[in-house]
Amino acid sequence: MADTPAIADRNLEATTNISLKRESACFAFLSVCSISAPMPIDSINLDLASADYFDGRASLWATLEIRSSVADDSPTAILGFDETFLRPFARALIEAATTRAAFRMTILQEPRVSDRFRVVEYVTGLGKALEELVLQPFDNVVLISAATRRSGGGSEESLFQLPRSDSFLRAFARTAYIADQMLRDLLADMERLARHRSPSATT
């Protein structure tokens, strides 16, 4: 019997942890509609929430998590996203921080799947779909807000802050690169495993 290809275990949470304790103070849950009181951020990390192969396509869902001493350092997800989000978000953060100009990141939903969101926030509820993120740089932090577009005018809800220091930007760029590669390798492994299994499923 031929060996079945395996999917390598990827510990995204441990690989992507960035401490913010030596950075300027950053906070999450800043919206007036937040489900929690404002919370200082001691560290951030990415985590793989799910991976699936359905209807001939591999997909995954990851989260951006924070940890805070006021919450016993337990992980709290503030963003959820698919495999298309991490690269443009990293670029937007770096551009906003280095140019000192606000950056608006539009999130295009997948046209063929109306009920599948690409990015959600967990600050104001249990997975609210996002249309646009606004990254506004200040002296020491970058404020990330959720923007909505309406016919009568849009609105913005402050979500969380990230540091604007050179050390954090370097660490985040490195972490985002590694995480993006890990996620894309996982998708490739899932596709490979599906191709391996498909002939046996039809015999």
N, C-alpha and C. Protein backbone atom coordinates (compact mmCIF):
# COMPACT_ATOMS: atom_id res chain seq x y z
N MET A 1 0.85 -1.19 0.00
CA MET A 1 0.00 0.00 0.00
C MET A 1 0.89 1.25 0.00
N ALA A 2 0.56 2.17 -0.87
CA ALA A 2 1.35 3.40 -0.96
C ALA A 2 1.10 4.28 0.24
N ASP A 3 2.14 4.99 0.66
CA ASP A 3 1.99 5.91 1.78
C ASP A 3 1.11 7.08 1.39
N THR A 4 0.27 7.51 2.31
CA THR A 4 -0.58 8.67 2.08
C THR A 4 0.18 9.93 2.46
N PRO A 5 0.27 10.93 1.59
CA PRO A 5 0.98 12.16 1.94
C PRO A 5 0.37 12.81 3.18
N ALA A 6 1.22 13.34 4.01
CA ALA A 6 0.75 13.98 5.24
C ALA A 6 0.88 15.49 5.12
N ILE A 7 0.06 16.19 5.90
CA ILE A 7 0.16 17.64 5.99
C ILE A 7 0.98 17.99 7.21
N ALA A 8 2.06 18.72 7.01
CA ALA A 8 2.95 19.07 8.11
C ALA A 8 2.26 19.99 9.10
N ASP A 9 2.52 19.75 10.38
CA ASP A 9 1.96 20.59 11.42
C ASP A 9 2.67 21.95 11.42
N ARG A 10 1.90 23.01 11.48
CA ARG A 10 2.46 24.36 11.46
C ARG A 10 1.96 25.12 12.69
N ASN A 11 2.89 25.40 13.60
CA ASN A 11 2.54 26.10 14.83
C ASN A 11 2.63 27.60 14.59
N LEU A 12 1.59 28.14 13.98
CA LEU A 12 1.61 29.55 13.60
C LEU A 12 1.65 30.46 14.82
N GLU A 13 0.96 30.07 15.87
CA GLU A 13 0.88 30.91 17.06
C GLU A 13 2.25 31.16 17.67
N ALA A 14 3.03 30.10 17.85
CA ALA A 14 4.35 30.25 18.47
C ALA A 14 5.33 30.94 17.54
N THR A 15 5.22 30.70 16.24
CA THR A 15 6.17 31.25 15.27
C THR A 15 6.00 32.75 15.08
N THR A 16 4.79 33.27 15.29
CA THR A 16 4.51 34.65 14.91
C THR A 16 4.32 35.59 16.10
N ASN A 17 4.67 35.17 17.29
CA ASN A 17 4.46 36.02 18.47
C ASN A 17 5.41 37.22 18.47
N ILE A 18 4.85 38.43 18.67
CA ILE A 18 5.64 39.66 18.77
C ILE A 18 5.28 40.36 20.08
N SER A 19 6.26 40.58 20.92
CA SER A 19 6.03 41.29 22.18
C SER A 19 5.98 42.79 21.94
N LEU A 20 5.02 43.46 22.59
CA LEU A 20 4.90 44.91 22.49
C LEU A 20 5.23 45.60 23.81
N LYS A 21 5.78 44.88 24.76
CA LYS A 21 6.00 45.44 26.10
C LYS A 21 7.03 46.57 26.09
N ARG A 22 7.93 46.59 25.12
CA ARG A 22 8.93 47.66 25.05
C ARG A 22 8.56 48.74 24.04
N GLU A 23 7.36 48.61 23.48
CA GLU A 23 6.88 49.60 22.51
C GLU A 23 5.99 50.62 23.21
N SER A 24 5.64 51.67 22.47
CA SER A 24 4.66 52.63 22.99
C SER A 24 3.35 51.91 23.27
N ALA A 25 2.64 52.37 24.28
CA ALA A 25 1.41 51.69 24.69
C ALA A 25 0.40 51.63 23.55
N CYS A 26 -0.12 50.44 23.31
CA CYS A 26 -1.16 50.23 22.30
C CYS A 26 -2.36 49.58 22.96
N PHE A 27 -3.53 49.85 22.42
CA PHE A 27 -4.76 49.36 23.02
C PHE A 27 -5.68 48.78 21.96
N ALA A 28 -6.53 47.86 22.39
CA ALA A 28 -7.56 47.28 21.53
C ALA A 28 -8.92 47.57 22.15
N PHE A 29 -9.97 47.28 21.40
CA PHE A 29 -11.36 47.52 21.82
C PHE A 29 -11.60 49.01 22.07
N LEU A 30 -11.30 49.81 21.03
CA LEU A 30 -11.41 51.26 21.16
C LEU A 30 -12.74 51.81 20.67
N SER A 31 -13.52 51.01 19.96
CA SER A 31 -14.81 51.48 19.45
C SER A 31 -15.81 51.64 20.59
N VAL A 32 -16.72 52.60 20.43
CA VAL A 32 -17.79 52.76 21.42
C VAL A 32 -18.73 51.57 21.40
N CYS A 33 -18.68 50.78 20.34
CA CYS A 33 -19.53 49.59 20.22
C CYS A 33 -18.78 48.32 20.61
N SER A 34 -17.60 48.46 21.20
CA SER A 34 -16.79 47.29 21.53
C SER A 34 -17.49 46.39 22.55
N ILE A 35 -17.21 45.08 22.44
CA ILE A 35 -17.79 44.12 23.38
C ILE A 35 -16.96 44.04 24.66
N SER A 36 -15.84 44.78 24.71
CA SER A 36 -14.98 44.77 25.88
C SER A 36 -14.52 46.19 26.18
N ALA A 37 -14.09 46.43 27.41
CA ALA A 37 -13.45 47.70 27.75
C ALA A 37 -12.10 47.77 27.05
N PRO A 38 -11.55 48.99 26.82
CA PRO A 38 -10.22 49.10 26.21
C PRO A 38 -9.20 48.25 26.95
N MET A 39 -8.33 47.60 26.19
CA MET A 39 -7.41 46.63 26.76
C MET A 39 -5.99 46.90 26.25
N PRO A 40 -5.00 47.06 27.14
CA PRO A 40 -3.63 47.23 26.68
C PRO A 40 -3.13 45.95 26.00
N ILE A 41 -2.33 46.12 24.94
CA ILE A 41 -1.82 44.98 24.19
C ILE A 41 -0.38 44.72 24.60
N ASP A 42 -0.11 43.54 25.15
CA ASP A 42 1.25 43.17 25.54
C ASP A 42 1.97 42.39 24.45
N SER A 43 1.22 41.68 23.62
CA SER A 43 1.82 40.95 22.50
C SER A 43 0.75 40.63 21.47
N ILE A 44 1.19 40.35 20.26
CA ILE A 44 0.28 39.93 19.20
C ILE A 44 0.82 38.65 18.57
N ASN A 45 -0.06 37.90 17.96
CA ASN A 45 0.36 36.72 17.20
C ASN A 45 -0.73 36.37 16.20
N LEU A 46 -0.37 35.57 15.23
CA LEU A 46 -1.33 35.01 14.28
C LEU A 46 -1.61 33.57 14.67
N ASP A 47 -2.80 33.10 14.34
CA ASP A 47 -3.14 31.72 14.64
C ASP A 47 -3.99 31.15 13.51
N LEU A 48 -3.82 29.87 13.25
CA LEU A 48 -4.61 29.18 12.24
C LEU A 48 -5.87 28.65 12.90
N ALA A 49 -7.03 29.18 12.50
CA ALA A 49 -8.29 28.77 13.11
C ALA A 49 -8.88 27.54 12.45
N SER A 50 -8.79 27.46 11.12
CA SER A 50 -9.35 26.30 10.41
C SER A 50 -8.74 26.19 9.03
N ALA A 51 -8.80 24.98 8.48
CA ALA A 51 -8.37 24.72 7.11
C ALA A 51 -9.32 23.68 6.54
N ASP A 52 -9.72 23.88 5.28
CA ASP A 52 -10.75 23.03 4.72
C ASP A 52 -10.51 22.86 3.22
N TYR A 53 -11.00 21.74 2.70
CA TYR A 53 -10.99 21.51 1.26
C TYR A 53 -12.41 21.16 0.87
N PHE A 54 -13.04 22.03 0.06
CA PHE A 54 -14.45 21.85 -0.29
C PHE A 54 -14.69 22.34 -1.71
N ASP A 55 -15.48 21.57 -2.44
CA ASP A 55 -15.88 21.96 -3.79
C ASP A 55 -14.66 22.23 -4.68
N GLY A 56 -13.65 21.38 -4.54
CA GLY A 56 -12.47 21.49 -5.38
C GLY A 56 -11.52 22.62 -5.04
N ARG A 57 -11.61 23.13 -3.81
CA ARG A 57 -10.77 24.28 -3.44
C ARG A 57 -10.31 24.18 -2.00
N ALA A 58 -9.03 24.46 -1.79
CA ALA A 58 -8.49 24.54 -0.43
C ALA A 58 -8.64 25.96 0.09
N SER A 59 -9.02 26.09 1.35
CA SER A 59 -9.17 27.41 1.96
C SER A 59 -8.78 27.32 3.43
N LEU A 60 -8.51 28.46 4.01
CA LEU A 60 -8.15 28.49 5.43
C LEU A 60 -8.66 29.77 6.07
N TRP A 61 -8.64 29.78 7.39
CA TRP A 61 -9.07 30.95 8.16
C TRP A 61 -8.07 31.15 9.28
N ALA A 62 -7.51 32.35 9.36
CA ALA A 62 -6.54 32.68 10.39
C ALA A 62 -7.04 33.87 11.20
N THR A 63 -6.42 34.09 12.34
CA THR A 63 -6.82 35.21 13.21
C THR A 63 -5.60 35.98 13.67
N LEU A 64 -5.81 37.28 13.88
CA LEU A 64 -4.83 38.13 14.56
C LEU A 64 -5.27 38.21 16.01
N GLU A 65 -4.41 37.74 16.91
CA GLU A 65 -4.75 37.68 18.33
C GLU A 65 -3.89 38.64 19.13
N ILE A 66 -4.45 39.11 20.24
CA ILE A 66 -3.69 39.91 21.19
C ILE A 66 -3.67 39.18 22.53
N ARG A 67 -2.68 39.52 23.33
CA ARG A 67 -2.61 39.03 24.71
C ARG A 67 -2.35 40.22 25.61
N SER A 68 -2.99 40.20 26.77
CA SER A 68 -2.88 41.32 27.70
C SER A 68 -2.83 40.79 29.13
N SER A 69 -2.03 41.44 29.96
CA SER A 69 -1.93 41.02 31.35
C SER A 69 -3.25 41.21 32.09
N VAL A 70 -4.08 42.14 31.64
CA VAL A 70 -5.37 42.35 32.31
C VAL A 70 -6.34 41.21 32.03
N ALA A 71 -6.04 40.39 31.02
CA ALA A 71 -6.88 39.23 30.69
C ALA A 71 -6.09 37.94 30.89
N ASP A 72 -5.14 37.97 31.83
CA ASP A 72 -4.34 36.78 32.18
C ASP A 72 -3.56 36.22 30.99
N ASP A 73 -3.22 37.10 30.05
CA ASP A 73 -2.43 36.70 28.88
C ASP A 73 -3.10 35.64 28.02
N SER A 74 -4.41 35.52 28.13
CA SER A 74 -5.13 34.59 27.27
C SER A 74 -5.32 35.21 25.89
N PRO A 75 -5.29 34.41 24.82
CA PRO A 75 -5.42 34.98 23.47
C PRO A 75 -6.83 35.49 23.21
N THR A 76 -6.90 36.67 22.58
CA THR A 76 -8.17 37.27 22.19
C THR A 76 -8.08 37.67 20.73
N ALA A 77 -8.91 37.08 19.88
CA ALA A 77 -8.89 37.39 18.45
C ALA A 77 -9.54 38.74 18.20
N ILE A 78 -8.90 39.57 17.37
CA ILE A 78 -9.50 40.86 17.01
C ILE A 78 -9.80 40.96 15.52
N LEU A 79 -9.10 40.17 14.70
CA LEU A 79 -9.39 40.08 13.27
C LEU A 79 -9.39 38.62 12.85
N GLY A 80 -10.25 38.28 11.90
CA GLY A 80 -10.23 36.98 11.25
C GLY A 80 -10.14 37.19 9.76
N PHE A 81 -9.40 36.33 9.05
CA PHE A 81 -9.18 36.59 7.63
C PHE A 81 -8.80 35.30 6.89
N ASP A 82 -8.96 35.34 5.56
CA ASP A 82 -8.56 34.22 4.73
C ASP A 82 -7.14 34.44 4.22
N GLU A 83 -6.73 33.58 3.28
CA GLU A 83 -5.35 33.58 2.82
C GLU A 83 -4.98 34.79 1.96
N THR A 84 -5.95 35.60 1.56
CA THR A 84 -5.66 36.75 0.69
C THR A 84 -5.35 38.03 1.45
N PHE A 85 -5.48 38.03 2.77
CA PHE A 85 -5.45 39.28 3.54
C PHE A 85 -4.07 39.71 4.00
N LEU A 86 -3.23 38.78 4.39
CA LEU A 86 -2.02 39.14 5.14
C LEU A 86 -1.05 40.00 4.34
N ARG A 87 -0.82 39.67 3.08
CA ARG A 87 0.13 40.46 2.28
C ARG A 87 -0.30 41.91 2.13
N PRO A 88 -1.52 42.20 1.66
CA PRO A 88 -1.90 43.61 1.52
C PRO A 88 -1.98 44.35 2.84
N PHE A 89 -2.35 43.67 3.94
CA PHE A 89 -2.40 44.35 5.23
C PHE A 89 -1.00 44.75 5.68
N ALA A 90 -0.02 43.86 5.51
CA ALA A 90 1.35 44.20 5.88
C ALA A 90 1.85 45.38 5.07
N ARG A 91 1.56 45.39 3.76
CA ARG A 91 1.97 46.52 2.93
C ARG A 91 1.30 47.81 3.38
N ALA A 92 0.01 47.74 3.69
CA ALA A 92 -0.73 48.94 4.11
C ALA A 92 -0.17 49.49 5.41
N LEU A 93 0.13 48.61 6.37
CA LEU A 93 0.68 49.06 7.65
C LEU A 93 2.02 49.74 7.47
N ILE A 94 2.90 49.13 6.68
CA ILE A 94 4.22 49.70 6.47
C ILE A 94 4.13 51.03 5.73
N GLU A 95 3.27 51.10 4.72
CA GLU A 95 3.14 52.35 3.96
C GLU A 95 2.58 53.47 4.83
N ALA A 96 1.55 53.17 5.61
CA ALA A 96 0.97 54.19 6.48
C ALA A 96 1.99 54.68 7.50
N ALA A 97 2.74 53.75 8.08
CA ALA A 97 3.70 54.12 9.13
C ALA A 97 4.87 54.91 8.58
N THR A 98 5.34 54.56 7.39
CA THR A 98 6.55 55.21 6.86
C THR A 98 6.25 56.51 6.10
N THR A 99 5.08 56.63 5.53
CA THR A 99 4.75 57.85 4.79
C THR A 99 4.00 58.87 5.65
N ARG A 100 3.56 58.45 6.84
CA ARG A 100 2.78 59.31 7.74
C ARG A 100 1.47 59.77 7.11
N ALA A 101 0.95 58.99 6.19
CA ALA A 101 -0.32 59.31 5.53
C ALA A 101 -1.30 58.17 5.75
N ALA A 102 -2.56 58.51 5.96
CA ALA A 102 -3.59 57.49 6.17
C ALA A 102 -3.71 56.61 4.93
N PHE A 103 -3.93 55.33 5.15
CA PHE A 103 -4.06 54.36 4.05
C PHE A 103 -5.41 53.67 4.19
N ARG A 104 -6.18 53.69 3.10
CA ARG A 104 -7.49 53.03 3.08
C ARG A 104 -7.35 51.71 2.31
N MET A 105 -7.65 50.63 2.99
CA MET A 105 -7.52 49.30 2.41
C MET A 105 -8.91 48.72 2.16
N THR A 106 -9.31 48.70 0.89
CA THR A 106 -10.61 48.16 0.52
C THR A 106 -10.56 46.64 0.48
N ILE A 107 -11.58 46.01 1.04
CA ILE A 107 -11.64 44.55 1.10
C ILE A 107 -12.72 44.08 0.14
N LEU A 108 -12.30 43.45 -0.94
CA LEU A 108 -13.22 42.97 -1.96
C LEU A 108 -13.71 41.59 -1.59
N GLN A 109 -15.03 41.42 -1.55
CA GLN A 109 -15.60 40.12 -1.24
C GLN A 109 -15.55 39.22 -2.45
N GLU A 110 -15.54 37.92 -2.21
CA GLU A 110 -15.48 36.96 -3.30
C GLU A 110 -16.82 36.92 -4.02
N PRO A 111 -16.85 37.21 -5.33
CA PRO A 111 -18.13 37.34 -6.03
C PRO A 111 -18.93 36.05 -6.13
N ARG A 112 -18.25 34.91 -6.21
CA ARG A 112 -18.99 33.66 -6.43
C ARG A 112 -19.56 33.06 -5.14
N VAL A 113 -19.13 33.55 -3.99
CA VAL A 113 -19.63 33.03 -2.72
C VAL A 113 -20.10 34.21 -1.89
N SER A 114 -21.38 34.48 -1.90
CA SER A 114 -21.91 35.68 -1.27
C SER A 114 -21.86 35.63 0.25
N ASP A 115 -21.85 34.42 0.83
CA ASP A 115 -21.86 34.32 2.29
C ASP A 115 -20.48 34.01 2.87
N ARG A 116 -19.44 34.13 2.07
CA ARG A 116 -18.08 33.88 2.54
C ARG A 116 -17.31 35.19 2.61
N PHE A 117 -16.96 35.59 3.83
CA PHE A 117 -16.27 36.85 4.04
C PHE A 117 -14.76 36.63 4.04
N ARG A 118 -14.04 37.65 3.61
CA ARG A 118 -12.58 37.55 3.57
C ARG A 118 -11.94 38.09 4.84
N VAL A 119 -12.55 39.09 5.46
CA VAL A 119 -12.02 39.67 6.68
C VAL A 119 -13.18 40.05 7.60
N VAL A 120 -13.06 39.72 8.87
CA VAL A 120 -14.05 40.12 9.87
C VAL A 120 -13.32 40.69 11.09
N GLU A 121 -14.04 41.47 11.87
CA GLU A 121 -13.47 41.97 13.13
C GLU A 121 -14.29 41.43 14.29
N TYR A 122 -13.59 41.15 15.40
CA TYR A 122 -14.24 40.62 16.59
C TYR A 122 -14.28 41.65 17.72
N VAL A 123 -14.02 42.91 17.39
CA VAL A 123 -14.00 43.96 18.41
C VAL A 123 -15.41 44.37 18.80
N THR A 124 -16.29 44.52 17.82
CA THR A 124 -17.66 44.98 18.10
C THR A 124 -18.69 43.85 18.06
N GLY A 125 -18.25 42.65 17.77
CA GLY A 125 -19.20 41.54 17.71
C GLY A 125 -18.51 40.25 17.32
N LEU A 126 -19.30 39.21 17.12
CA LEU A 126 -18.77 37.89 16.80
C LEU A 126 -18.60 37.72 15.30
N GLY A 127 -17.65 38.43 14.75
CA GLY A 127 -17.34 38.26 13.34
C GLY A 127 -18.11 39.17 12.42
N LYS A 128 -17.91 40.47 12.56
CA LYS A 128 -18.56 41.45 11.68
C LYS A 128 -17.72 41.64 10.42
N ALA A 129 -18.34 41.42 9.25
CA ALA A 129 -17.61 41.54 7.99
C ALA A 129 -17.14 42.97 7.76
N LEU A 130 -15.93 43.11 7.22
CA LEU A 130 -15.34 44.42 6.97
C LEU A 130 -15.37 44.76 5.49
N GLU A 131 -15.67 46.02 5.20
CA GLU A 131 -15.63 46.53 3.83
C GLU A 131 -14.33 47.27 3.55
N GLU A 132 -13.81 47.93 4.58
CA GLU A 132 -12.60 48.74 4.40
C GLU A 132 -11.92 48.94 5.74
N LEU A 133 -10.59 48.90 5.72
CA LEU A 133 -9.80 49.25 6.89
C LEU A 133 -9.09 50.56 6.63
N VAL A 134 -9.04 51.41 7.64
CA VAL A 134 -8.32 52.67 7.56
C VAL A 134 -7.16 52.61 8.54
N LEU A 135 -5.95 52.81 8.05
CA LEU A 135 -4.76 52.81 8.89
C LEU A 135 -4.25 54.24 9.00
N GLN A 136 -4.41 54.83 10.18
CA GLN A 136 -4.08 56.23 10.40
C GLN A 136 -2.85 56.33 11.29
N PRO A 137 -1.72 56.86 10.77
CA PRO A 137 -0.52 56.97 11.59
C PRO A 137 -0.55 58.19 12.50
N PHE A 138 -0.04 58.00 13.71
CA PHE A 138 0.19 59.09 14.65
C PHE A 138 1.66 59.06 15.06
N ASP A 139 2.05 59.83 16.05
CA ASP A 139 3.47 59.93 16.39
C ASP A 139 4.07 58.56 16.73
N ASN A 140 3.38 57.79 17.57
CA ASN A 140 3.96 56.55 18.05
C ASN A 140 3.19 55.29 17.67
N VAL A 141 1.96 55.46 17.19
CA VAL A 141 1.13 54.29 16.88
C VAL A 141 0.43 54.48 15.54
N VAL A 142 -0.08 53.37 15.01
CA VAL A 142 -0.97 53.39 13.85
C VAL A 142 -2.33 52.90 14.32
N LEU A 143 -3.35 53.71 14.13
CA LEU A 143 -4.71 53.34 14.52
C LEU A 143 -5.39 52.61 13.37
N ILE A 144 -5.93 51.43 13.66
CA ILE A 144 -6.64 50.65 12.65
C ILE A 144 -8.14 50.76 12.94
N SER A 145 -8.87 51.24 11.94
CA SER A 145 -10.32 51.45 12.08
C SER A 145 -11.06 50.71 10.98
N ALA A 146 -12.31 50.37 11.26
CA ALA A 146 -13.20 49.77 10.27
C ALA A 146 -14.07 50.86 9.67
N ALA A 147 -14.11 50.92 8.36
CA ALA A 147 -14.91 51.93 7.66
C ALA A 147 -16.03 51.25 6.90
N THR A 148 -17.19 51.88 6.91
CA THR A 148 -18.33 51.39 6.14
C THR A 148 -18.73 52.45 5.14
N ARG A 149 -19.17 52.01 3.95
CA ARG A 149 -19.58 52.93 2.90
C ARG A 149 -21.09 52.86 2.75
N ARG A 150 -21.73 54.03 2.89
CA ARG A 150 -23.18 54.10 2.74
C ARG A 150 -23.52 55.25 1.82
N SER A 151 -24.73 55.19 1.24
CA SER A 151 -25.15 56.24 0.30
C SER A 151 -25.22 57.60 0.97
N GLY A 152 -25.57 57.62 2.23
CA GLY A 152 -25.68 58.89 2.95
C GLY A 152 -24.40 59.31 3.63
N GLY A 153 -23.30 58.60 3.37
CA GLY A 153 -22.03 58.92 4.02
C GLY A 153 -21.54 57.73 4.81
N GLY A 154 -20.23 57.60 4.93
CA GLY A 154 -19.64 56.47 5.63
C GLY A 154 -19.40 56.76 7.10
N SER A 155 -18.94 55.74 7.82
CA SER A 155 -18.61 55.89 9.23
C SER A 155 -17.38 55.06 9.52
N GLU A 156 -16.70 55.37 10.61
CA GLU A 156 -15.50 54.64 11.01
C GLU A 156 -15.60 54.26 12.48
N GLU A 157 -15.14 53.05 12.78
CA GLU A 157 -15.09 52.56 14.15
C GLU A 157 -13.65 52.20 14.48
N SER A 158 -13.07 52.83 15.51
CA SER A 158 -11.71 52.50 15.92
C SER A 158 -11.66 51.10 16.50
N LEU A 159 -10.68 50.30 16.06
CA LEU A 159 -10.59 48.91 16.51
C LEU A 159 -9.41 48.69 17.46
N PHE A 160 -8.19 48.97 16.98
CA PHE A 160 -7.01 48.72 17.80
C PHE A 160 -5.84 49.53 17.25
N GLN A 161 -4.74 49.55 18.00
CA GLN A 161 -3.53 50.26 17.62
C GLN A 161 -2.36 49.29 17.50
N LEU A 162 -1.40 49.65 16.65
CA LEU A 162 -0.14 48.93 16.56
C LEU A 162 1.00 49.95 16.62
N PRO A 163 2.17 49.55 17.10
CA PRO A 163 3.28 50.50 17.20
C PRO A 163 3.75 50.97 15.83
N ARG A 164 4.38 52.15 15.83
CA ARG A 164 4.92 52.73 14.59
C ARG A 164 6.44 52.72 14.57
N SER A 165 7.06 52.06 15.53
CA SER A 165 8.52 52.08 15.64
C SER A 165 9.17 51.25 14.55
N ASP A 166 10.43 51.58 14.26
CA ASP A 166 11.18 50.81 13.26
C ASP A 166 11.32 49.35 13.69
N SER A 167 11.56 49.12 14.97
CA SER A 167 11.75 47.75 15.45
C SER A 167 10.49 46.92 15.26
N PHE A 168 9.32 47.51 15.53
CA PHE A 168 8.08 46.75 15.36
C PHE A 168 7.81 46.51 13.88
N LEU A 169 8.01 47.51 13.04
CA LEU A 169 7.74 47.33 11.61
C LEU A 169 8.61 46.23 11.02
N ARG A 170 9.89 46.19 11.42
CA ARG A 170 10.77 45.12 10.95
C ARG A 170 10.27 43.77 11.42
N ALA A 171 9.89 43.70 12.71
CA ALA A 171 9.40 42.43 13.26
C ALA A 171 8.10 42.00 12.60
N PHE A 172 7.21 42.95 12.36
CA PHE A 172 5.93 42.59 11.76
C PHE A 172 6.10 42.17 10.30
N ALA A 173 6.97 42.87 9.56
CA ALA A 173 7.21 42.49 8.17
C ALA A 173 7.78 41.08 8.09
N ARG A 174 8.72 40.78 8.96
CA ARG A 174 9.31 39.43 8.98
C ARG A 174 8.25 38.39 9.35
N THR A 175 7.47 38.68 10.38
CA THR A 175 6.44 37.74 10.82
C THR A 175 5.38 37.52 9.75
N ALA A 176 4.94 38.60 9.11
CA ALA A 176 3.93 38.48 8.06
C ALA A 176 4.45 37.66 6.89
N TYR A 177 5.72 37.85 6.54
CA TYR A 177 6.32 37.08 5.44
C TYR A 177 6.34 35.60 5.78
N ILE A 178 6.81 35.27 6.98
CA ILE A 178 6.89 33.86 7.39
C ILE A 178 5.49 33.24 7.45
N ALA A 179 4.54 33.97 8.05
CA ALA A 179 3.18 33.45 8.19
C ALA A 179 2.52 33.25 6.83
N ASP A 180 2.70 34.21 5.93
CA ASP A 180 2.12 34.09 4.60
C ASP A 180 2.67 32.86 3.87
N GLN A 181 3.97 32.62 4.01
CA GLN A 181 4.56 31.45 3.37
C GLN A 181 4.03 30.16 3.98
N MET A 182 3.88 30.14 5.31
CA MET A 182 3.36 28.96 5.98
C MET A 182 1.93 28.66 5.54
N LEU A 183 1.11 29.69 5.43
CA LEU A 183 -0.28 29.50 5.02
C LEU A 183 -0.36 29.02 3.58
N ARG A 184 0.45 29.59 2.71
CA ARG A 184 0.42 29.17 1.31
C ARG A 184 0.99 27.76 1.13
N ASP A 185 1.97 27.40 1.94
CA ASP A 185 2.47 26.02 1.90
C ASP A 185 1.38 25.05 2.37
N LEU A 186 0.61 25.46 3.37
CA LEU A 186 -0.49 24.62 3.84
C LEU A 186 -1.53 24.42 2.75
N LEU A 187 -1.89 25.49 2.06
CA LEU A 187 -2.84 25.36 0.95
C LEU A 187 -2.31 24.42 -0.12
N ALA A 188 -1.02 24.53 -0.43
CA ALA A 188 -0.41 23.65 -1.44
C ALA A 188 -0.44 22.20 -0.98
N ASP A 189 -0.18 21.96 0.31
CA ASP A 189 -0.24 20.60 0.85
C ASP A 189 -1.65 20.03 0.75
N MET A 190 -2.65 20.86 1.04
CA MET A 190 -4.03 20.41 0.96
C MET A 190 -4.43 20.07 -0.46
N GLU A 191 -3.99 20.89 -1.41
CA GLU A 191 -4.26 20.61 -2.82
C GLU A 191 -3.57 19.31 -3.24
N ARG A 192 -2.34 19.13 -2.80
CA ARG A 192 -1.60 17.91 -3.14
C ARG A 192 -2.29 16.68 -2.57
N LEU A 193 -2.73 16.76 -1.32
CA LEU A 193 -3.41 15.64 -0.69
C LEU A 193 -4.73 15.33 -1.40
N ALA A 194 -5.45 16.37 -1.83
CA ALA A 194 -6.71 16.16 -2.55
C ALA A 194 -6.46 15.46 -3.89
N ARG A 195 -5.38 15.85 -4.59
CA ARG A 195 -5.07 15.20 -5.86
C ARG A 195 -4.68 13.74 -5.66
N HIS A 196 -4.01 13.48 -4.54
CA HIS A 196 -3.60 12.11 -4.23
C HIS A 196 -4.82 11.23 -3.96
N ARG A 197 -5.82 11.77 -3.30
CA ARG A 197 -6.98 10.99 -2.90
C ARG A 197 -8.02 10.86 -4.02
N SER A 198 -8.05 11.80 -4.95
CA SER A 198 -9.13 11.81 -5.95
C SER A 198 -9.16 10.57 -6.83
N PRO A 199 -8.03 9.98 -7.27
CA PRO A 199 -8.15 8.77 -8.11
C PRO A 199 -8.78 7.60 -7.36
N SER A 200 -8.40 7.42 -6.06
CA SER A 200 -8.95 6.31 -5.28
C SER A 200 -10.43 6.50 -5.01
N ALA A 201 -10.89 7.78 -4.98
CA ALA A 201 -12.29 8.04 -4.70
C ALA A 201 -13.17 7.70 -5.89
N THR A 202 -12.56 7.64 -7.09
CA THR A 202 -13.36 7.39 -8.29
C THR A 202 -13.26 5.96 -8.78
N THR A 203 -12.41 5.12 -8.13
CA THR A 203 -12.24 3.73 -8.55
C THR A 203 -13.19 2.83 -7.80
